Amino acid sequence: MLFDTFCGCVERHLPEYRAVMDEAKLFLFDGAPHDFLKQRKGFHEDFAQDLFAMPFRTVAVEDAGSLVILKDVDDNTVGLHRKRMFIDIMGLDLDDDDFEFHQDLGDEARKVQSELISKFPKGLVVHIGYITSTMINDDMTNLVSVFEAKRGLLVDKKEGIIFDDSESIQLKQRMLPAAQNARVALEELAVLTRKTDFVFETSPAKQPKIKKDSIPRSGQRPLYTILQPHQARKVMQIENPVAGTGKKAVHERRRHLRYYTAGPGKPWKKNMVRIIDAVWIGSSDVTIKKKRYRVRLDL
């Protein structure tokens, strides 16, 4: 898992990112990100970009393509367009098939990559920057972003920092795939603007022992994903409730923000914002053997 490998690199060679890794909440997505997003087809059509907020201030998103750590620059950041720091981590031996868009490196570049992999089989390509603005594109199909490039690294847990660039004029060009990964990670989290998708938490039933000065690894901290109610109940081994009928039938929904607009005779509603509480039927928190499963109704 890239997250665990990067934790080791940070402990040994990149202490300046220690606080970010300690704070990060790890979201896992099976398979390639574009496959996950295709399962949520059409969510962009009702996407309210001004209401987007990350579920936590610092989020690590790992899927088959890469690991992306996103961090809000300011407190209580609401809105897709707000500035966010990103750290993109990819293995040297990454598989292009896990990316929807990729460029052919060419024979010479692939030869260099092969040599590096042979020397540093656990090596990580790390890029740090800022997404300064993000918005949905004109045809309402995906997000587009503007970014700043800050630093590019090749690091190995055993060998240390092999390459470090924060000044070259080629840095931003080399960081284009990393910025794309960061944008896609934001898009995966943007699914949470739909009221039918919930943050699902899996954690050890008992607090694991963590070595002194060690960053908790994936097996020692809560793990998160995004599930719909029937998917969450399948994991929790709970039967789906019988659907109600009529106008008063309970409909499950995730906690979310609602903006109001002033109407005739109701000027007081201008710029009014309310938090709409989550609605869930039955148990949202169960422990099975050594795992605790929770639907996070507070997010």
Foldseek 3Di string as FASTA:
>chain_A
DQLQQVLLQCLAANVVCVVLLLQEAEEEDEAALVVVVVVVPPPLVPFDQQADDFPGQWYWYDYLQWIKIKHAPDPPDGGQFAKIKMKTKDFLPRDCVSDPDDDDPDDVVVVVSVVVCVVAVRKMKMWIWMFNGKDADPVRGFMDTDIGGAKIFIAHSVPGTPDIDGDDPCRVVVCPVVVVVVRSVSVQSSSLVFFQKFKKKKAFPDQDDDDPSGRDDPNRGIYIYIDGPVVLCVVVVHDDDDFDDDPPTDDWTAWGKDQFPADVVRNVSHRDIDTDFTDDPDDQWDDDDGMIMGGPRVD
